[in-house]
Amino acid sequence: MRFLLVEDNAQLARAVCERFALDGHAVDHATGLNDASAFVDTTDYNLILLDIMLPDGDGRDFLARHRLAKNKTPVIVLTARSQVSDRITLLDLGADDYVTKPFDFAELEARCRAVLRRQVGAAQNRLEFAGVILDPQEATLIANDNIQNLRNRELRLVEIFFAAPAQIFSKNHLIDRLFSLSEDVSENAIEVYVGRLRKKLAGTRAEIETVRSLGYRLVARP
């Protein structure tokens, strides 16, 4: 997944970015609302983590504009405000959830997973395609009683394909989803990850097909 973190506390931002990077997520970091707006205008995100008190304005204004523009990207607000009325205001403005500072990273990760599940309309963690079961919690692929363990970015790549079977993803799009803007990555990296996944899907009906000059898509063999 690709996240945008809007947070001016450098120490907290670094800790959050490092934590999600360990899970294979790509995280872009904006220190203020102007940078956040620039990121949102140029990049598609799966989730936005938004602080409220920022050097160049109030995160609630950003949230309101975000929803007014019909942007459906889920937003979790990171707030030091603990009053019930403050939390109600955030939800009414369009926040999908909130986490009160200081927070436990495990709670933040759990809330992110819950919001993302709601976003795709999934009531359960597991995804299935062509007889292959993806378990994101266990980071495994299961087919014919065979269990394949997935590394972090392998897991994120499988989630992308399983969430949209038959959709063609270009290499640049996959780079954008898997890596942050600060990482210097070539298209060869995507070829390596796709190659690894193909080996793990070998012997199943699920296949990552190359579409010449366009990219890759997940298809089911007859």
Protein backbone atom coordinates (compact mmCIF):
# COMPACT_ATOMS: atom_id res chain seq x y z
CA MET A 1 0.00 0.00 0.00
CA ARG A 2 1.03 3.63 -0.43
CA PHE A 3 0.42 6.01 2.47
CA LEU A 4 0.76 9.76 2.92
CA LEU A 5 1.81 10.91 6.39
CA VAL A 6 1.13 14.59 7.20
CA GLU A 7 3.05 15.29 10.40
CA ASP A 8 5.42 18.09 11.45
CA ASN A 9 7.01 16.23 14.38
CA ALA A 10 10.18 14.87 12.74
CA GLN A 11 10.84 12.20 15.37
CA LEU A 12 7.31 10.83 15.29
CA ALA A 13 7.18 10.97 11.48
CA ARG A 14 10.42 9.05 11.17
CA ALA A 15 9.18 6.37 13.59
CA VAL A 16 5.87 5.97 11.73
CA CYS A 17 7.58 5.80 8.32
CA GLU A 18 10.07 3.21 9.53
CA ARG A 19 7.35 1.11 11.15
CA PHE A 20 5.20 0.94 8.01
CA ALA A 21 8.25 0.41 5.78
CA LEU A 22 8.99 -2.76 7.76
CA ASP A 23 5.57 -4.04 6.63
CA GLY A 24 6.41 -3.24 3.01
CA HIS A 25 4.30 -0.09 2.70
CA ALA A 26 5.57 2.97 0.83
CA VAL A 27 5.14 6.16 2.87
CA ASP A 28 5.50 9.74 1.64
CA HIS A 29 5.97 12.37 4.34
CA ALA A 30 4.63 15.92 4.23
CA THR A 31 5.49 18.35 7.03
CA GLY A 32 2.65 20.76 6.25
CA LEU A 33 -0.58 21.31 4.35
CA ASN A 34 1.02 22.84 1.25
CA ASP A 35 3.25 19.80 0.76
CA ALA A 36 0.34 17.49 1.51
CA SER A 37 -1.81 19.13 -1.14
CA ALA A 38 1.01 18.83 -3.68
CA PHE A 39 1.41 15.13 -2.91
CA VAL A 40 -2.34 14.45 -3.21
CA ASP A 41 -2.54 16.34 -6.50
CA THR A 42 0.17 14.18 -8.11
CA THR A 43 -0.12 10.76 -6.45
CA ASP A 44 -2.86 8.26 -5.60
CA TYR A 45 -2.77 7.02 -2.02
CA ASN A 46 -4.44 4.11 -0.28
CA LEU A 47 -4.53 5.95 3.04
CA ILE A 48 -3.72 9.37 4.53
CA LEU A 49 -2.50 9.80 8.12
CA LEU A 50 -3.22 13.41 9.03
CA ASP A 51 -2.03 15.51 11.96
CA ILE A 52 -4.22 18.45 12.99
CA MET A 53 -1.91 21.16 14.29
CA LEU A 54 0.52 21.95 11.47
CA PRO A 55 2.90 24.89 10.87
CA ASP A 56 0.96 26.25 7.90
CA GLY A 57 -2.59 25.59 8.99
CA ASP A 58 -5.20 23.28 10.51
CA GLY A 59 -5.45 19.72 9.28
CA ARG A 60 -9.22 19.94 9.59
CA ASP A 61 -9.27 22.46 6.75
CA PHE A 62 -7.30 20.01 4.60
CA LEU A 63 -9.74 17.24 5.51
CA ALA A 64 -12.75 19.39 4.63
CA ARG A 65 -11.28 20.35 1.23
CA HIS A 66 -10.31 16.72 0.64
CA ARG A 67 -13.94 15.60 1.03
CA LEU A 68 -15.37 18.61 -0.79
CA ALA A 69 -13.27 17.61 -3.81
CA LYS A 70 -14.98 14.16 -3.67
CA ASN A 71 -11.67 12.48 -2.83
CA LYS A 72 -12.55 9.14 -1.26
CA THR A 73 -9.07 8.23 -0.02
CA PRO A 74 -9.54 7.18 3.63
CA VAL A 75 -8.11 9.50 6.28
CA ILE A 76 -7.04 8.61 9.80
CA VAL A 77 -6.47 11.68 11.95
CA LEU A 78 -3.60 11.75 14.44
CA THR A 79 -4.75 14.08 17.18
CA ALA A 80 -3.80 15.17 20.69
CA ARG A 81 -7.39 16.29 21.28
CA SER A 82 -9.23 13.91 23.58
CA GLN A 83 -12.58 15.65 23.99
CA VAL A 84 -15.54 13.71 22.62
CA SER A 85 -16.80 16.83 20.82
CA ASP A 86 -13.46 17.17 18.99
CA ARG A 87 -13.57 13.55 17.83
CA ILE A 88 -17.18 13.93 16.67
CA THR A 89 -16.20 17.01 14.66
CA LEU A 90 -13.40 15.09 12.93
CA LEU A 91 -15.73 12.24 11.98
CA ASP A 92 -18.37 14.67 10.74
CA LEU A 93 -15.75 16.39 8.56
CA GLY A 94 -15.08 13.08 6.84
CA ALA A 95 -12.35 11.34 8.85
CA ASP A 96 -12.60 7.56 8.66
CA ASP A 97 -11.02 7.10 12.08
CA TYR A 98 -8.75 8.85 14.55
CA VAL A 99 -5.90 7.91 16.88
CA THR A 100 -5.18 9.97 19.97
CA LYS A 101 -1.56 10.91 20.67
CA PRO A 102 0.48 9.40 22.19
CA PHE A 103 -0.52 6.15 20.54
CA ASP A 104 0.72 2.58 20.37
CA PHE A 105 2.03 1.62 16.93
CA ALA A 106 0.21 -1.70 17.07
CA GLU A 107 -3.09 0.16 17.53
CA LEU A 108 -2.29 2.50 14.63
CA GLU A 109 -1.52 -0.47 12.37
CA ALA A 110 -4.72 -2.24 13.41
CA ARG A 111 -6.82 0.86 12.70
CA CYS A 112 -5.17 1.23 9.30
CA ARG A 113 -6.00 -2.38 8.44
CA ALA A 114 -9.60 -1.93 9.57
CA VAL A 115 -10.09 1.26 7.54
CA LEU A 116 -8.55 -0.32 4.44
CA ARG A 117 -10.80 -3.37 4.79
CA ARG A 118 -13.85 -1.12 4.95
CA GLN A 119 -12.61 0.81 1.93
CA VAL A 120 -12.62 -2.29 -0.28
CA GLY A 121 -15.83 -3.58 1.30
CA ALA A 122 -14.11 -6.63 2.74
CA ALA A 123 -15.56 -8.11 5.90
CA GLN A 124 -12.72 -10.59 6.21
CA ASN A 125 -8.97 -10.54 5.87
CA ARG A 126 -8.51 -13.32 3.33
CA LEU A 127 -8.77 -12.86 -0.44
CA GLU A 128 -9.27 -15.70 -2.92
CA PHE A 129 -8.65 -15.96 -6.65
CA ALA A 130 -8.69 -19.05 -8.88
CA GLY A 131 -8.43 -21.36 -5.90
CA VAL A 132 -5.52 -19.49 -4.33
CA ILE A 133 -6.08 -17.92 -0.91
CA LEU A 134 -4.14 -14.86 0.20
CA ASP A 135 -3.90 -14.37 3.95
CA PRO A 136 -2.42 -10.88 4.56
CA GLN A 137 -2.31 -11.38 8.31
CA GLU A 138 -0.12 -14.46 8.00
CA ALA A 139 1.62 -13.23 4.82
CA THR A 140 0.92 -16.50 3.03
CA LEU A 141 -0.48 -17.89 -0.20
CA ILE A 142 -2.40 -21.14 0.17
CA ALA A 143 -3.26 -23.51 -2.70
CA ASN A 144 -3.73 -27.27 -2.83
CA ASP A 145 -2.69 -27.53 0.85
CA ASN A 146 0.60 -25.86 -0.05
CA ILE A 147 1.58 -22.77 1.95
CA GLN A 148 3.95 -20.18 0.46
CA ASN A 149 5.37 -17.50 2.75
CA LEU A 150 5.56 -13.96 1.38
CA ARG A 151 8.09 -11.25 2.08
CA ASN A 152 6.86 -7.72 2.75
CA ARG A 153 6.81 -6.26 -0.77
CA GLU A 154 5.77 -9.60 -2.26
CA LEU A 155 2.72 -9.45 0.00
CA ARG A 156 1.87 -5.89 -1.05
CA LEU A 157 2.25 -6.79 -4.72
CA VAL A 158 -0.03 -9.83 -4.37
CA GLU A 159 -2.62 -7.66 -2.61
CA ILE A 160 -2.60 -5.24 -5.53
CA PHE A 161 -3.24 -8.01 -8.06
CA PHE A 162 -5.80 -9.91 -5.93
CA ALA A 163 -7.78 -6.73 -5.24
CA ALA A 164 -8.23 -6.08 -8.97
CA PRO A 165 -8.04 -9.28 -11.06
CA ALA A 166 -7.72 -8.74 -14.83
CA GLN A 167 -6.73 -5.10 -14.37
CA ILE A 168 -3.48 -4.17 -16.13
CA PHE A 169 -0.85 -2.53 -13.93
CA SER A 170 2.09 -0.79 -15.57
CA LYS A 171 5.54 -1.10 -14.06
CA ASN A 172 5.52 2.58 -13.19
CA HIS A 173 2.19 2.22 -11.42
CA LEU A 174 3.51 -0.71 -9.38
CA ILE A 175 6.65 1.24 -8.49
CA ASP A 176 4.40 4.08 -7.36
CA ARG A 177 2.37 1.71 -5.15
CA LEU A 178 5.28 -0.21 -3.65
CA PHE A 179 8.00 2.38 -3.13
CA SER A 180 8.15 5.89 -1.69
CA LEU A 181 9.23 8.90 -3.73
CA SER A 182 12.56 9.01 -1.90
CA GLU A 183 13.54 5.53 -3.12
CA ASP A 184 15.45 5.30 -6.39
CA VAL A 185 13.93 2.23 -8.04
CA SER A 186 14.14 0.94 -11.60
CA GLU A 187 11.59 -1.13 -13.51
CA ASN A 188 13.90 -4.11 -13.07
CA ALA A 189 12.87 -4.26 -9.41
CA ILE A 190 9.27 -4.90 -10.43
CA GLU A 191 10.40 -7.64 -12.83
CA VAL A 192 12.24 -9.31 -9.94
CA TYR A 193 9.22 -9.23 -7.63
CA VAL A 194 6.86 -10.46 -10.34
CA GLY A 195 9.27 -13.29 -11.09
CA ARG A 196 9.28 -14.34 -7.45
CA LEU A 197 5.49 -14.34 -7.29
CA ARG A 198 5.21 -16.39 -10.46
CA LYS A 199 7.35 -19.09 -8.86
CA LYS A 200 5.11 -19.13 -5.80
CA LEU A 201 1.98 -19.35 -7.95
CA ALA A 202 3.43 -22.17 -10.08
CA GLY A 203 1.12 -25.18 -10.15
CA THR A 204 -2.00 -23.09 -9.45
CA ARG A 205 -4.61 -21.62 -11.80
CA ALA A 206 -3.60 -18.08 -10.87
CA GLU A 207 -1.09 -16.51 -13.25
CA ILE A 208 0.53 -13.09 -13.52
CA GLU A 209 0.39 -12.44 -17.23
CA THR A 210 2.64 -10.02 -19.12
CA VAL A 211 0.73 -7.66 -21.40
CA ARG A 212 3.22 -6.47 -23.98
CA SER A 213 4.10 -2.77 -23.69
CA LEU A 214 1.46 -2.27 -20.98
CA GLY A 215 2.39 -4.19 -17.85
CA TYR A 216 0.99 -7.12 -15.87
CA ARG A 217 -2.39 -8.53 -14.87
CA LEU A 218 -3.68 -11.40 -12.80
CA VAL A 219 -5.61 -14.01 -14.78
CA ALA A 220 -7.04 -17.48 -14.15
CA ARG A 221 -5.88 -20.39 -16.28
CA PRO A 222 -8.66 -22.62 -17.63
